[in-house]
């Protein structure tokens, strides 16, 4: 239910870019080279949600130790520890649909629409970028055409990343109020970050 409700956040793409913006995105010519460039840009800006714990050894497989007479002694996990591990596995499993929605519907779609919009606009005005780049000293051996294409990709990527934060908000710890960074606050206010960001966005 939470994942399905979260997917409705993509409606903000229609609100922000409008029907014309979505239509232009669907009509935009996307070849293999463009899709590869787009994927690399998304990875560069950390658009995809990844559970870092999946890359490490599960907690239940790690030895549990305690200090006895100045030495570490391995102890068997208690019922409380086993129950905690069980809840963690349930939370990870239930979070998979939410992660899929964020990676394939919400953030990735917004990034693609915004990237295509800026990329298309800058491609049509290459003359301006070329003029600006010609006034600066390019690295030896770098062609002006390659420099222009790199600049277009960089600007489009930066614009798309900013649009993802604008429409889908920032959930990093530094973006939260101080009261929500404490241990009790992170638990009691774990569902308030979206509400705060949504209020600020509308304001």
N, C-alpha and C. Protein backbone atom coordinates (compact mmCIF):
# COMPACT_ATOMS: atom_id res chain seq x y z
N UNK A 1 0.82 -1.21 0.00
CA UNK A 1 0.00 0.00 0.00
C UNK A 1 0.86 1.26 0.00
N UNK A 2 1.93 1.22 0.80
CA UNK A 2 2.82 2.38 0.85
C UNK A 2 3.53 2.62 -0.46
N UNK A 3 3.96 1.53 -1.12
CA UNK A 3 4.65 1.66 -2.41
C UNK A 3 3.70 2.21 -3.48
N UNK A 4 2.44 1.72 -3.48
CA UNK A 4 1.47 2.20 -4.46
C UNK A 4 1.15 3.68 -4.24
N UNK A 5 1.04 4.06 -2.98
CA UNK A 5 0.77 5.47 -2.68
C UNK A 5 1.97 6.34 -3.05
N UNK A 6 3.16 5.81 -2.82
CA UNK A 6 4.37 6.57 -3.13
C UNK A 6 4.51 6.78 -4.64
N UNK A 7 4.00 5.83 -5.43
CA UNK A 7 4.10 5.94 -6.89
C UNK A 7 3.31 7.12 -7.41
N UNK A 8 2.27 7.56 -6.67
CA UNK A 8 1.48 8.70 -7.13
C UNK A 8 2.29 10.00 -7.09
N UNK A 9 3.46 9.97 -6.46
CA UNK A 9 4.30 11.17 -6.42
C UNK A 9 4.79 11.55 -7.81
N UNK A 10 4.77 10.59 -8.73
CA UNK A 10 5.19 10.88 -10.11
C UNK A 10 4.21 11.80 -10.81
N UNK A 11 3.01 11.99 -10.25
CA UNK A 11 2.06 12.93 -10.84
C UNK A 11 2.62 14.36 -10.82
N UNK A 12 3.59 14.59 -9.94
CA UNK A 12 4.20 15.91 -9.88
C UNK A 12 5.01 16.21 -11.15
N UNK A 13 5.41 15.17 -11.87
CA UNK A 13 6.06 15.39 -13.16
C UNK A 13 5.08 16.09 -14.12
N UNK A 14 3.83 15.63 -14.10
CA UNK A 14 2.81 16.23 -14.97
C UNK A 14 2.52 17.66 -14.53
N UNK A 15 2.48 17.87 -13.19
CA UNK A 15 2.18 19.20 -12.67
C UNK A 15 3.30 20.18 -13.02
N UNK A 16 4.56 19.72 -12.89
CA UNK A 16 5.69 20.63 -13.09
C UNK A 16 6.01 20.82 -14.57
N UNK A 17 6.13 19.73 -15.32
CA UNK A 17 6.54 19.82 -16.73
C UNK A 17 5.35 20.01 -17.66
N UNK A 18 4.17 19.61 -17.21
CA UNK A 18 2.97 19.77 -18.02
C UNK A 18 2.85 18.70 -19.10
N UNK A 19 1.73 18.69 -19.76
CA UNK A 19 1.49 17.71 -20.82
C UNK A 19 2.49 17.87 -21.96
N UNK A 20 2.81 19.12 -22.28
CA UNK A 20 3.75 19.38 -23.37
C UNK A 20 5.13 18.81 -23.05
N UNK A 21 5.58 18.99 -21.80
CA UNK A 21 6.89 18.48 -21.42
C UNK A 21 6.97 16.97 -21.49
N UNK A 22 5.91 16.29 -21.03
CA UNK A 22 5.89 14.82 -21.09
C UNK A 22 5.80 14.33 -22.53
N UNK A 23 5.05 15.06 -23.36
CA UNK A 23 4.92 14.67 -24.77
C UNK A 23 6.26 14.81 -25.48
N UNK A 24 6.98 15.89 -25.20
CA UNK A 24 8.30 16.08 -25.81
C UNK A 24 9.27 15.00 -25.37
N UNK A 25 9.17 14.58 -24.12
CA UNK A 25 10.05 13.52 -23.62
C UNK A 25 9.77 12.21 -24.35
N UNK A 26 8.50 11.87 -24.53
CA UNK A 26 8.14 10.62 -25.21
C UNK A 26 8.54 10.65 -26.68
N UNK A 27 8.58 11.84 -27.29
CA UNK A 27 8.94 11.95 -28.71
C UNK A 27 10.44 12.12 -28.91
N UNK A 28 11.16 12.30 -27.80
CA UNK A 28 12.60 12.53 -27.90
C UNK A 28 13.30 11.27 -28.40
N UNK A 29 14.21 11.44 -29.35
CA UNK A 29 14.93 10.31 -29.95
C UNK A 29 15.95 9.77 -28.95
N UNK A 30 15.73 8.55 -28.46
CA UNK A 30 16.62 7.96 -27.46
C UNK A 30 17.31 6.73 -28.07
N UNK A 31 18.56 6.90 -28.43
CA UNK A 31 19.33 5.77 -28.94
C UNK A 31 20.10 5.08 -27.83
N UNK A 32 20.86 4.05 -28.18
CA UNK A 32 21.61 3.30 -27.18
C UNK A 32 22.67 4.17 -26.51
N UNK A 33 23.33 5.01 -27.29
CA UNK A 33 24.37 5.87 -26.74
C UNK A 33 23.78 6.86 -25.75
N UNK A 34 22.59 7.40 -26.08
CA UNK A 34 21.93 8.35 -25.19
C UNK A 34 21.50 7.67 -23.89
N UNK A 35 20.92 6.48 -23.99
CA UNK A 35 20.47 5.76 -22.80
C UNK A 35 21.65 5.41 -21.90
N UNK A 36 22.77 5.05 -22.49
CA UNK A 36 23.96 4.74 -21.70
C UNK A 36 24.47 5.99 -20.99
N UNK A 37 24.48 7.11 -21.69
CA UNK A 37 24.91 8.37 -21.10
C UNK A 37 23.96 8.78 -19.97
N UNK A 38 22.68 8.56 -20.18
CA UNK A 38 21.68 8.90 -19.17
C UNK A 38 21.84 8.04 -17.93
N UNK A 39 22.09 6.75 -18.13
CA UNK A 39 22.29 5.84 -17.00
C UNK A 39 23.52 6.20 -16.19
N UNK A 40 24.60 6.58 -16.86
CA UNK A 40 25.82 6.97 -16.16
C UNK A 40 25.60 8.25 -15.36
N UNK A 41 24.82 9.17 -15.92
CA UNK A 41 24.52 10.42 -15.21
C UNK A 41 23.70 10.15 -13.96
N UNK A 42 22.76 9.22 -14.04
CA UNK A 42 21.94 8.88 -12.89
C UNK A 42 22.77 8.24 -11.79
N UNK A 43 23.70 7.39 -12.17
CA UNK A 43 24.57 6.76 -11.18
C UNK A 43 25.49 7.81 -10.54
N UNK A 44 25.96 8.74 -11.36
CA UNK A 44 26.87 9.77 -10.86
C UNK A 44 26.23 10.62 -9.78
N UNK A 45 24.92 10.91 -9.93
CA UNK A 45 24.22 11.75 -8.98
C UNK A 45 23.51 10.95 -7.89
N UNK A 46 23.70 9.64 -7.88
CA UNK A 46 23.11 8.83 -6.82
C UNK A 46 21.60 8.81 -6.83
N UNK A 47 21.01 8.73 -8.02
CA UNK A 47 19.55 8.73 -8.12
C UNK A 47 18.97 7.42 -7.60
N UNK A 48 19.67 6.31 -7.86
CA UNK A 48 19.15 5.01 -7.48
C UNK A 48 19.31 4.76 -5.98
N UNK A 49 18.27 4.19 -5.36
CA UNK A 49 18.33 3.79 -3.96
C UNK A 49 18.95 2.40 -3.89
N UNK A 50 19.94 2.24 -3.03
CA UNK A 50 20.60 0.95 -2.84
C UNK A 50 20.70 0.65 -1.37
N UNK A 51 20.34 -0.58 -1.00
CA UNK A 51 20.48 -1.01 0.38
C UNK A 51 21.91 -1.49 0.59
N UNK A 52 22.73 -0.67 1.25
CA UNK A 52 24.15 -0.99 1.41
C UNK A 52 24.36 -2.26 2.24
N UNK A 53 23.37 -2.60 3.08
CA UNK A 53 23.52 -3.79 3.90
C UNK A 53 23.53 -5.05 3.05
N UNK A 54 22.96 -4.97 1.86
CA UNK A 54 22.95 -6.14 0.98
C UNK A 54 24.35 -6.47 0.50
N UNK A 55 25.26 -5.50 0.53
CA UNK A 55 26.62 -5.72 0.07
C UNK A 55 27.51 -6.26 1.18
N UNK A 56 27.00 -6.29 2.40
CA UNK A 56 27.80 -6.74 3.55
C UNK A 56 27.26 -8.06 4.07
N UNK A 57 27.97 -8.64 5.04
CA UNK A 57 27.55 -9.89 5.65
C UNK A 57 26.33 -9.62 6.53
N UNK A 58 25.27 -10.45 6.45
CA UNK A 58 24.11 -10.26 7.30
C UNK A 58 24.50 -10.26 8.78
N UNK A 59 23.80 -9.48 9.57
CA UNK A 59 24.16 -9.33 10.98
C UNK A 59 24.08 -10.63 11.75
N UNK A 60 23.12 -11.52 11.38
CA UNK A 60 22.99 -12.77 12.14
C UNK A 60 24.16 -13.71 11.92
N UNK A 61 24.97 -13.47 10.86
CA UNK A 61 26.12 -14.32 10.60
C UNK A 61 27.39 -13.81 11.27
N UNK A 62 27.31 -12.63 11.86
CA UNK A 62 28.46 -12.07 12.54
C UNK A 62 28.51 -12.59 13.97
N UNK A 63 29.70 -12.89 14.47
CA UNK A 63 29.79 -13.41 15.84
C UNK A 63 29.42 -12.34 16.86
N UNK A 64 28.73 -12.77 17.93
CA UNK A 64 28.37 -11.88 19.02
C UNK A 64 29.35 -12.11 20.16
N UNK A 65 29.96 -11.04 20.64
CA UNK A 65 30.99 -11.17 21.68
C UNK A 65 30.72 -10.22 22.83
N UNK A 66 31.33 -10.53 23.97
CA UNK A 66 31.29 -9.63 25.12
C UNK A 66 32.62 -9.74 25.86
N UNK A 67 32.91 -8.74 26.66
CA UNK A 67 34.18 -8.68 27.39
C UNK A 67 34.04 -9.43 28.72
N UNK A 68 34.91 -10.44 28.92
CA UNK A 68 34.93 -11.20 30.17
C UNK A 68 36.37 -11.29 30.64
N UNK A 69 36.64 -10.71 31.82
CA UNK A 69 37.99 -10.72 32.39
C UNK A 69 39.03 -10.18 31.40
N UNK A 70 38.66 -9.11 30.70
CA UNK A 70 39.61 -8.49 29.80
C UNK A 70 39.77 -9.18 28.46
N UNK A 71 38.95 -10.21 28.19
CA UNK A 71 39.04 -10.93 26.92
C UNK A 71 37.66 -10.99 26.26
N UNK A 72 37.69 -10.99 24.91
CA UNK A 72 36.44 -11.12 24.17
C UNK A 72 36.03 -12.58 24.10
N UNK A 73 34.79 -12.86 24.50
CA UNK A 73 34.27 -14.22 24.50
C UNK A 73 33.02 -14.25 23.62
N UNK A 74 32.95 -15.23 22.73
CA UNK A 74 31.79 -15.35 21.86
C UNK A 74 30.62 -15.92 22.63
N UNK A 75 29.45 -15.29 22.46
CA UNK A 75 28.25 -15.73 23.17
C UNK A 75 27.15 -16.01 22.16
N UNK A 76 26.23 -16.89 22.55
CA UNK A 76 25.11 -17.22 21.68
C UNK A 76 24.11 -16.08 21.67
N UNK A 77 23.49 -15.78 20.53
CA UNK A 77 22.52 -14.69 20.48
C UNK A 77 21.30 -14.99 21.34
N UNK A 78 20.77 -13.98 21.99
CA UNK A 78 19.59 -14.13 22.83
C UNK A 78 18.32 -14.12 21.98
N UNK A 79 17.20 -14.41 22.63
CA UNK A 79 15.92 -14.38 21.92
C UNK A 79 15.61 -12.97 21.41
N UNK A 80 15.97 -11.99 22.23
CA UNK A 80 15.71 -10.61 21.83
C UNK A 80 16.51 -10.25 20.57
N UNK A 81 17.77 -10.71 20.51
CA UNK A 81 18.60 -10.44 19.33
C UNK A 81 18.04 -11.15 18.10
N UNK A 82 17.64 -12.41 18.27
CA UNK A 82 17.07 -13.15 17.15
C UNK A 82 15.77 -12.50 16.65
N UNK A 83 14.98 -12.00 17.60
CA UNK A 83 13.73 -11.34 17.22
C UNK A 83 14.01 -10.04 16.45
N UNK A 84 15.04 -9.33 16.91
CA UNK A 84 15.44 -8.09 16.22
C UNK A 84 15.89 -8.39 14.79
N UNK A 85 16.68 -9.46 14.62
CA UNK A 85 17.13 -9.85 13.28
C UNK A 85 15.95 -10.23 12.40
N UNK A 86 14.96 -10.88 12.99
CA UNK A 86 13.76 -11.26 12.24
C UNK A 86 13.02 -10.03 11.75
N UNK A 87 12.86 -9.03 12.64
CA UNK A 87 12.18 -7.80 12.25
C UNK A 87 12.95 -7.07 11.16
N UNK A 88 14.28 -7.11 11.23
CA UNK A 88 15.10 -6.46 10.21
C UNK A 88 14.89 -7.11 8.85
N UNK A 89 14.82 -8.45 8.83
CA UNK A 89 14.59 -9.16 7.56
C UNK A 89 13.22 -8.82 6.99
N UNK A 90 12.21 -8.72 7.87
CA UNK A 90 10.86 -8.36 7.42
C UNK A 90 10.86 -6.94 6.85
N UNK A 91 11.56 -6.03 7.53
CA UNK A 91 11.62 -4.64 7.07
C UNK A 91 12.29 -4.53 5.71
N UNK A 92 13.40 -5.28 5.52
CA UNK A 92 14.10 -5.26 4.24
C UNK A 92 13.20 -5.80 3.12
N UNK A 93 12.48 -6.89 3.42
CA UNK A 93 11.61 -7.50 2.41
C UNK A 93 10.47 -6.56 2.04
N UNK A 94 9.86 -5.94 3.06
CA UNK A 94 8.73 -5.05 2.80
C UNK A 94 9.18 -3.75 2.14
N UNK A 95 10.46 -3.42 2.26
CA UNK A 95 10.97 -2.20 1.65
C UNK A 95 11.33 -2.35 0.18
N UNK A 96 11.37 -3.59 -0.31
CA UNK A 96 11.73 -3.83 -1.71
C UNK A 96 10.78 -3.14 -2.70
N UNK A 97 9.45 -3.26 -2.52
CA UNK A 97 8.55 -2.56 -3.45
C UNK A 97 8.76 -1.05 -3.46
N UNK A 98 9.00 -0.47 -2.27
CA UNK A 98 9.24 0.97 -2.19
C UNK A 98 10.51 1.35 -2.95
N UNK A 99 11.56 0.52 -2.80
CA UNK A 99 12.82 0.78 -3.49
C UNK A 99 12.63 0.68 -5.00
N UNK A 100 11.84 -0.30 -5.44
CA UNK A 100 11.58 -0.46 -6.87
C UNK A 100 10.83 0.75 -7.43
N UNK A 101 9.83 1.22 -6.69
CA UNK A 101 9.05 2.38 -7.13
C UNK A 101 9.94 3.60 -7.27
N UNK A 102 10.80 3.83 -6.29
CA UNK A 102 11.68 5.00 -6.32
C UNK A 102 12.65 4.92 -7.50
N UNK A 103 13.21 3.72 -7.74
CA UNK A 103 14.24 3.57 -8.77
C UNK A 103 13.68 3.52 -10.18
N UNK A 104 12.47 3.03 -10.35
CA UNK A 104 11.95 2.81 -11.70
C UNK A 104 10.79 3.73 -12.08
N UNK A 105 10.19 4.39 -11.10
CA UNK A 105 9.05 5.24 -11.41
C UNK A 105 9.30 6.68 -11.00
N UNK A 106 9.56 6.89 -9.73
CA UNK A 106 9.62 8.26 -9.23
C UNK A 106 10.86 9.00 -9.67
N UNK A 107 11.98 8.71 -9.05
CA UNK A 107 13.19 9.50 -9.25
C UNK A 107 13.79 9.32 -10.64
N UNK A 108 13.82 8.10 -11.12
CA UNK A 108 14.43 7.87 -12.43
C UNK A 108 13.62 8.53 -13.55
N UNK A 109 12.29 8.48 -13.45
CA UNK A 109 11.47 9.09 -14.49
C UNK A 109 11.63 10.60 -14.50
N UNK A 110 11.64 11.21 -13.31
CA UNK A 110 11.84 12.65 -13.23
C UNK A 110 13.20 13.04 -13.79
N UNK A 111 14.22 12.27 -13.46
CA UNK A 111 15.57 12.55 -13.97
C UNK A 111 15.59 12.47 -15.48
N UNK A 112 14.95 11.45 -16.05
CA UNK A 112 14.95 11.27 -17.50
C UNK A 112 14.22 12.41 -18.21
N UNK A 113 13.07 12.81 -17.67
CA UNK A 113 12.30 13.90 -18.28
C UNK A 113 13.09 15.19 -18.25
N UNK A 114 13.64 15.51 -17.06
CA UNK A 114 14.38 16.77 -16.91
C UNK A 114 15.65 16.76 -17.76
N UNK A 115 16.36 15.64 -17.77
CA UNK A 115 17.59 15.54 -18.55
C UNK A 115 17.28 15.74 -20.03
N UNK A 116 16.25 15.06 -20.53
CA UNK A 116 15.90 15.16 -21.95
C UNK A 116 15.48 16.58 -22.31
N UNK A 117 14.76 17.23 -21.41
CA UNK A 117 14.30 18.60 -21.67
C UNK A 117 15.48 19.55 -21.83
N UNK A 118 16.41 19.51 -20.86
CA UNK A 118 17.55 20.41 -20.92
C UNK A 118 18.50 20.02 -22.05
N UNK A 119 18.69 18.73 -22.27
CA UNK A 119 19.57 18.25 -23.33
C UNK A 119 19.07 18.71 -24.69
N UNK A 120 17.77 18.61 -24.89
CA UNK A 120 17.18 19.01 -26.16
C UNK A 120 17.31 20.51 -26.38
N UNK A 121 17.08 21.30 -25.33
CA UNK A 121 17.16 22.75 -25.45
C UNK A 121 18.59 23.21 -25.72
N UNK A 122 19.55 22.61 -25.00
CA UNK A 122 20.95 23.02 -25.19
C UNK A 122 21.49 22.56 -26.54
N UNK A 123 21.03 21.42 -27.01
CA UNK A 123 21.48 20.93 -28.32
C UNK A 123 21.05 21.88 -29.44
N UNK A 124 19.86 22.46 -29.25
CA UNK A 124 19.38 23.40 -30.27
C UNK A 124 20.12 24.73 -30.23
N UNK A 125 20.81 25.01 -29.12
CA UNK A 125 21.55 26.27 -28.99
C UNK A 125 23.04 26.01 -28.77
N UNK A 126 23.57 25.09 -29.54
CA UNK A 126 24.99 24.76 -29.43
C UNK A 126 25.89 25.96 -29.72
N UNK A 127 25.37 26.87 -30.55
CA UNK A 127 26.19 28.02 -30.95
C UNK A 127 26.59 28.87 -29.74
N UNK A 128 25.68 29.00 -28.77
CA UNK A 128 25.97 29.80 -27.59
C UNK A 128 27.06 29.14 -26.75
N UNK A 129 26.92 27.83 -26.53
CA UNK A 129 27.93 27.11 -25.75
C UNK A 129 29.28 27.13 -26.46
N UNK A 130 29.24 26.95 -27.76
CA UNK A 130 30.50 26.93 -28.51
C UNK A 130 31.21 28.28 -28.40
N UNK A 131 30.45 29.35 -28.48
CA UNK A 131 31.04 30.68 -28.37
C UNK A 131 31.66 30.89 -27.00
N UNK A 132 30.96 30.44 -25.95
CA UNK A 132 31.49 30.59 -24.59
C UNK A 132 32.74 29.76 -24.38
N UNK A 133 32.73 28.53 -24.91
CA UNK A 133 33.88 27.65 -24.72
C UNK A 133 35.09 28.12 -25.52
N UNK A 134 34.86 28.71 -26.67
CA UNK A 134 35.96 29.21 -27.50
C UNK A 134 36.68 30.38 -26.82
N UNK A 135 35.97 31.08 -25.95
CA UNK A 135 36.58 32.20 -25.23
C UNK A 135 37.45 31.73 -24.06
N UNK A 136 37.29 30.47 -23.67
CA UNK A 136 38.13 29.90 -22.62
C UNK A 136 39.18 29.00 -23.25
N UNK A 137 40.22 28.73 -22.51
CA UNK A 137 41.31 27.90 -23.04
C UNK A 137 40.97 26.43 -22.85
N UNK A 138 40.79 25.71 -23.95
CA UNK A 138 40.52 24.28 -23.89
C UNK A 138 41.81 23.50 -23.70
N UNK A 139 41.67 22.30 -23.14
CA UNK A 139 42.84 21.45 -22.99
C UNK A 139 43.38 21.07 -24.37
N UNK A 140 44.69 20.90 -24.42
CA UNK A 140 45.33 20.58 -25.69
C UNK A 140 44.82 19.25 -26.22
N UNK A 141 44.43 19.24 -27.46
CA UNK A 141 43.95 18.02 -28.10
C UNK A 141 42.46 17.80 -27.99
N UNK A 142 41.75 18.66 -27.26
CA UNK A 142 40.30 18.55 -27.10
C UNK A 142 39.59 19.33 -28.20
N UNK A 143 38.73 18.66 -28.95
CA UNK A 143 37.99 19.31 -30.02
C UNK A 143 36.84 20.13 -29.43
N UNK A 144 36.52 21.23 -30.09
CA UNK A 144 35.46 22.10 -29.61
C UNK A 144 34.12 21.38 -29.59
N UNK A 145 33.88 20.51 -30.57
CA UNK A 145 32.62 19.77 -30.64
C UNK A 145 32.48 18.83 -29.44
N UNK A 146 33.58 18.15 -29.09
CA UNK A 146 33.54 17.25 -27.93
C UNK A 146 33.34 18.03 -26.63
N UNK A 147 33.97 19.19 -26.55
CA UNK A 147 33.82 20.02 -25.36
C UNK A 147 32.39 20.51 -25.21
N UNK A 148 31.76 20.87 -26.32
CA UNK A 148 30.37 21.33 -26.29
C UNK A 148 29.45 20.20 -25.83
N UNK A 149 29.63 19.00 -26.38
CA UNK A 149 28.80 17.86 -26.00
C UNK A 149 28.98 17.50 -24.53
N UNK A 150 30.20 17.59 -24.05
CA UNK A 150 30.46 17.32 -22.63
C UNK A 150 29.77 18.34 -21.74
N UNK A 151 29.81 19.59 -22.16
CA UNK A 151 29.17 20.66 -21.39
C UNK A 151 27.65 20.50 -21.39
N UNK A 152 27.09 20.10 -22.51
CA UNK A 152 25.64 19.86 -22.59
C UNK A 152 25.23 18.75 -21.64
N UNK A 153 25.99 17.67 -21.64
CA UNK A 153 25.69 16.54 -20.76
C UNK A 153 25.81 16.94 -19.29
N UNK A 154 26.84 17.71 -18.98
CA UNK A 154 27.07 18.13 -17.59
C UNK A 154 25.93 19.02 -17.11
N UNK A 155 25.53 19.98 -17.91
CA UNK A 155 24.46 20.90 -17.51
C UNK A 155 23.12 20.17 -17.42
N UNK A 156 22.86 19.28 -18.36
CA UNK A 156 21.60 18.52 -18.34
C UNK A 156 21.54 17.62 -17.13
N UNK A 157 22.67 17.01 -16.81
CA UNK A 157 22.73 16.11 -15.66
C UNK A 157 22.51 16.87 -14.35
N UNK A 158 23.12 18.04 -14.25
CA UNK A 158 22.96 18.85 -13.03
C UNK A 158 21.52 19.34 -12.88
N UNK A 159 20.91 19.76 -13.98
CA UNK A 159 19.53 20.22 -13.95
C UNK A 159 18.59 19.08 -13.54
N UNK A 160 18.82 17.89 -14.10
CA UNK A 160 17.97 16.73 -13.77
C UNK A 160 18.09 16.34 -12.31
N UNK A 161 19.31 16.37 -11.77
CA UNK A 161 19.51 16.03 -10.36
C UNK A 161 18.81 17.03 -9.45
N UNK A 162 18.86 18.30 -9.81
CA UNK A 162 18.17 19.33 -9.02
C UNK A 162 16.66 19.15 -9.08
N UNK A 163 16.14 18.71 -10.23
CA UNK A 163 14.71 18.50 -10.36
C UNK A 163 14.25 17.31 -9.53
N UNK A 164 15.08 16.29 -9.42
CA UNK A 164 14.75 15.13 -8.59
C UNK A 164 14.62 15.56 -7.13
N UNK A 165 15.55 16.38 -6.66
CA UNK A 165 15.48 16.88 -5.29
C UNK A 165 14.27 17.81 -5.11
N UNK A 166 13.93 18.56 -6.15
CA UNK A 166 12.81 19.49 -6.06
C UNK A 166 11.47 18.76 -5.97
N UNK A 167 11.30 17.71 -6.76
CA UNK A 167 10.01 17.02 -6.83
C UNK A 167 9.91 15.83 -5.88
N UNK A 168 11.04 15.23 -5.52
CA UNK A 168 11.00 14.03 -4.67
C UNK A 168 11.75 14.21 -3.37
N UNK A 169 12.28 15.40 -3.16
CA UNK A 169 12.80 15.82 -1.86
C UNK A 169 14.12 15.14 -1.49
N UNK A 170 14.70 15.69 -0.44
CA UNK A 170 16.02 15.25 0.04
C UNK A 170 15.82 14.57 1.41
N UNK A 171 16.29 13.34 1.52
CA UNK A 171 16.10 12.57 2.75
C UNK A 171 17.40 12.32 3.50
N UNK A 172 18.47 12.96 3.07
CA UNK A 172 19.74 12.79 3.77
C UNK A 172 19.64 13.40 5.17
N UNK A 173 20.44 12.90 6.12
CA UNK A 173 20.38 13.40 7.50
C UNK A 173 20.58 14.90 7.61
N UNK A 174 21.51 15.46 6.78
CA UNK A 174 21.80 16.89 6.90
C UNK A 174 20.62 17.75 6.46
N UNK A 175 19.65 17.16 5.72
CA UNK A 175 18.50 17.92 5.26
C UNK A 175 17.34 17.89 6.25
N UNK A 176 17.50 17.15 7.34
CA UNK A 176 16.43 17.03 8.33
C UNK A 176 16.64 18.01 9.47
N UNK A 177 15.57 18.41 10.16
CA UNK A 177 15.72 19.24 11.35
C UNK A 177 16.56 18.51 12.41
N UNK A 178 17.22 19.26 13.27
CA UNK A 178 18.11 18.66 14.26
C UNK A 178 17.37 17.70 15.19
N UNK A 179 16.12 18.01 15.49
CA UNK A 179 15.37 17.16 16.41
C UNK A 179 15.13 15.78 15.82
N UNK A 180 15.13 15.67 14.48
CA UNK A 180 14.91 14.37 13.83
C UNK A 180 16.20 13.61 13.60
N UNK A 181 17.33 14.21 13.96
CA UNK A 181 18.62 13.52 13.78
C UNK A 181 19.00 12.70 15.01
N UNK A 182 18.34 12.95 16.14
CA UNK A 182 18.63 12.18 17.35
C UNK A 182 18.03 10.79 17.23
N UNK A 183 18.47 9.88 18.09
CA UNK A 183 17.95 8.51 18.06
C UNK A 183 16.44 8.46 18.29
N UNK A 184 15.91 9.10 19.35
CA UNK A 184 14.45 9.09 19.53
C UNK A 184 13.72 9.80 18.39
N UNK A 185 14.30 10.93 17.93
CA UNK A 185 13.65 11.70 16.88
C UNK A 185 13.57 10.96 15.56
N UNK A 186 14.62 10.18 15.26
CA UNK A 186 14.63 9.44 13.99
C UNK A 186 13.56 8.35 13.98
N UNK A 187 13.19 7.86 15.18
CA UNK A 187 12.15 6.83 15.26
C UNK A 187 10.76 7.46 15.27
N UNK A 188 10.57 8.46 16.13
CA UNK A 188 9.27 9.10 16.27
C UNK A 188 8.91 9.91 15.03
N UNK A 189 9.91 10.44 14.34
CA UNK A 189 9.63 11.28 13.19
C UNK A 189 10.02 10.68 11.86
N UNK A 190 10.09 9.33 11.80
CA UNK A 190 10.58 8.70 10.58
C UNK A 190 9.65 8.93 9.39
N UNK A 191 8.37 9.22 9.63
CA UNK A 191 7.44 9.44 8.53
C UNK A 191 7.09 10.91 8.35
N UNK A 192 7.78 11.78 9.09
CA UNK A 192 7.44 13.20 9.02
C UNK A 192 8.27 13.95 7.98
N UNK A 193 9.39 13.36 7.53
CA UNK A 193 10.26 14.05 6.59
C UNK A 193 9.52 14.39 5.30
N UNK A 194 8.74 13.44 4.79
CA UNK A 194 7.99 13.69 3.56
C UNK A 194 6.99 14.82 3.76
N UNK A 195 6.28 14.81 4.91
CA UNK A 195 5.27 15.84 5.16
C UNK A 195 5.90 17.22 5.24
N UNK A 196 7.06 17.31 5.89
CA UNK A 196 7.75 18.60 6.00
C UNK A 196 8.18 19.09 4.62
N UNK A 197 8.79 18.20 3.85
CA UNK A 197 9.25 18.58 2.50
C UNK A 197 8.09 18.95 1.60
N UNK A 198 6.99 18.20 1.71
CA UNK A 198 5.82 18.47 0.88
C UNK A 198 5.23 19.83 1.22
N UNK A 199 5.21 20.17 2.51
CA UNK A 199 4.70 21.48 2.94
C UNK A 199 5.61 22.60 2.39
N UNK A 200 6.91 22.43 2.51
CA UNK A 200 7.83 23.45 2.02
C UNK A 200 7.75 23.60 0.51
N UNK A 201 7.56 22.48 -0.19
CA UNK A 201 7.45 22.53 -1.65
C UNK A 201 6.22 23.33 -2.07
N UNK A 202 5.09 23.07 -1.42
CA UNK A 202 3.87 23.81 -1.75
C UNK A 202 3.95 25.27 -1.36
N UNK A 203 4.65 25.53 -0.23
CA UNK A 203 4.80 26.92 0.21
C UNK A 203 5.64 27.70 -0.79
